[in-house]
């Protein structure tokens, strides 16, 4: 499992380790962009609430951004 701290106001790229990726929100939720467009309004992305997870298929770009004005969020991810 890999863990990343994502700063507020910035789309942070998740670099998968290969295969599908299990993405988990820990603590505070965050927005997920899988289009690679990194919209200026982060709410255009998928909202992943705290303690929720999602699987993203291999080859799909993954970017996250905190959903709350906090210092950072923690995302845990691992290959499925």
Protein backbone atom coordinates (compact mmCIF):
# COMPACT_ATOMS: atom_id res chain seq x y z
CA UNK A 1 0.00 0.00 0.00
CA UNK A 2 1.17 3.51 -0.79
CA UNK A 3 0.05 6.66 1.03
CA UNK A 4 0.16 10.20 -0.35
CA UNK A 5 -0.46 13.61 1.23
CA UNK A 6 -2.43 15.85 -1.16
CA UNK A 7 -2.22 19.62 -0.59
CA UNK A 8 -5.26 21.90 -0.79
CA UNK A 9 -6.01 23.66 -4.07
CA UNK A 10 -3.77 21.45 -6.19
CA UNK A 11 -4.54 18.35 -8.23
CA UNK A 12 -2.10 15.69 -7.03
CA UNK A 13 -1.37 12.79 -9.38
CA UNK A 14 -1.55 9.23 -8.09
CA UNK A 15 1.05 7.06 -9.78
CA UNK A 16 -0.32 3.51 -9.82
CA UNK A 17 1.96 0.58 -9.11
CA UNK A 18 0.46 -1.44 -11.97
CA UNK A 19 -2.93 -3.01 -12.52
CA UNK A 20 -6.19 -1.60 -11.25
CA UNK A 21 -5.91 0.80 -8.30
CA UNK A 22 -7.89 0.70 -5.06
CA UNK A 23 -8.14 4.31 -3.83
CA UNK A 24 -9.24 4.94 -0.22
CA UNK A 25 -10.07 8.25 1.51
CA UNK A 26 -8.72 8.42 5.06
CA UNK A 27 -9.76 11.17 7.46
CA UNK A 28 -11.15 13.87 5.13
CA UNK A 29 -12.68 13.12 1.75
CA UNK A 30 -11.38 14.36 -1.57
CA UNK A 31 -12.29 14.89 -5.19
CA UNK A 32 -11.06 12.48 -7.84
CA UNK A 33 -10.46 13.44 -11.47
CA UNK A 34 -9.98 10.61 -13.95
CA UNK A 35 -10.25 12.72 -17.11
CA UNK A 36 -6.74 14.16 -16.86
CA UNK A 37 -8.24 17.63 -17.43
CA UNK A 38 -7.89 18.74 -13.77
CA UNK A 39 -10.91 21.12 -13.76
CA UNK A 40 -10.59 24.50 -12.02
CA UNK A 41 -13.73 23.63 -10.03
CA UNK A 42 -12.72 20.45 -8.16
CA UNK A 43 -16.39 19.63 -7.49
CA UNK A 44 -16.58 18.61 -11.15
CA UNK A 45 -14.65 15.52 -10.10
CA UNK A 46 -16.04 12.51 -8.25
CA UNK A 47 -16.43 13.15 -4.50
CA UNK A 48 -14.91 10.33 -2.46
CA UNK A 49 -16.04 10.71 1.16
CA UNK A 50 -13.97 9.76 4.19
CA UNK A 51 -13.69 6.01 4.71
CA UNK A 52 -14.96 5.27 1.20
CA UNK A 53 -13.00 3.59 -1.55
CA UNK A 54 -13.15 3.05 -5.28
CA UNK A 55 -11.36 0.91 -7.84
CA UNK A 56 -9.94 2.68 -10.90
CA UNK A 57 -9.05 0.62 -13.96
CA UNK A 58 -5.46 0.36 -15.11
CA UNK A 59 -4.46 3.06 -17.58
CA UNK A 60 -6.92 5.69 -16.29
CA UNK A 61 -5.23 8.88 -15.00
CA UNK A 62 -5.87 9.57 -11.31
CA UNK A 63 -5.67 13.02 -9.69
CA UNK A 64 -7.01 13.96 -6.24
CA UNK A 65 -7.70 17.20 -4.37
CA UNK A 66 -9.00 17.74 -0.80
CA UNK A 67 -12.73 18.41 -0.52
CA UNK A 68 -12.27 20.60 2.56
CA UNK A 69 -9.97 23.58 3.25
CA UNK A 70 -7.50 21.59 5.33
CA UNK A 71 -3.75 21.32 5.14
CA UNK A 72 -3.74 18.00 3.29
CA UNK A 73 -5.60 14.73 2.88
CA UNK A 74 -4.24 11.23 2.97
CA UNK A 75 -5.02 8.80 0.20
CA UNK A 76 -4.08 5.17 0.49
CA UNK A 77 -3.84 3.16 -2.69
CA UNK A 78 -2.67 -0.23 -3.80
CA UNK A 79 -2.90 -2.47 -6.83
CA UNK A 80 -5.97 -4.69 -6.94
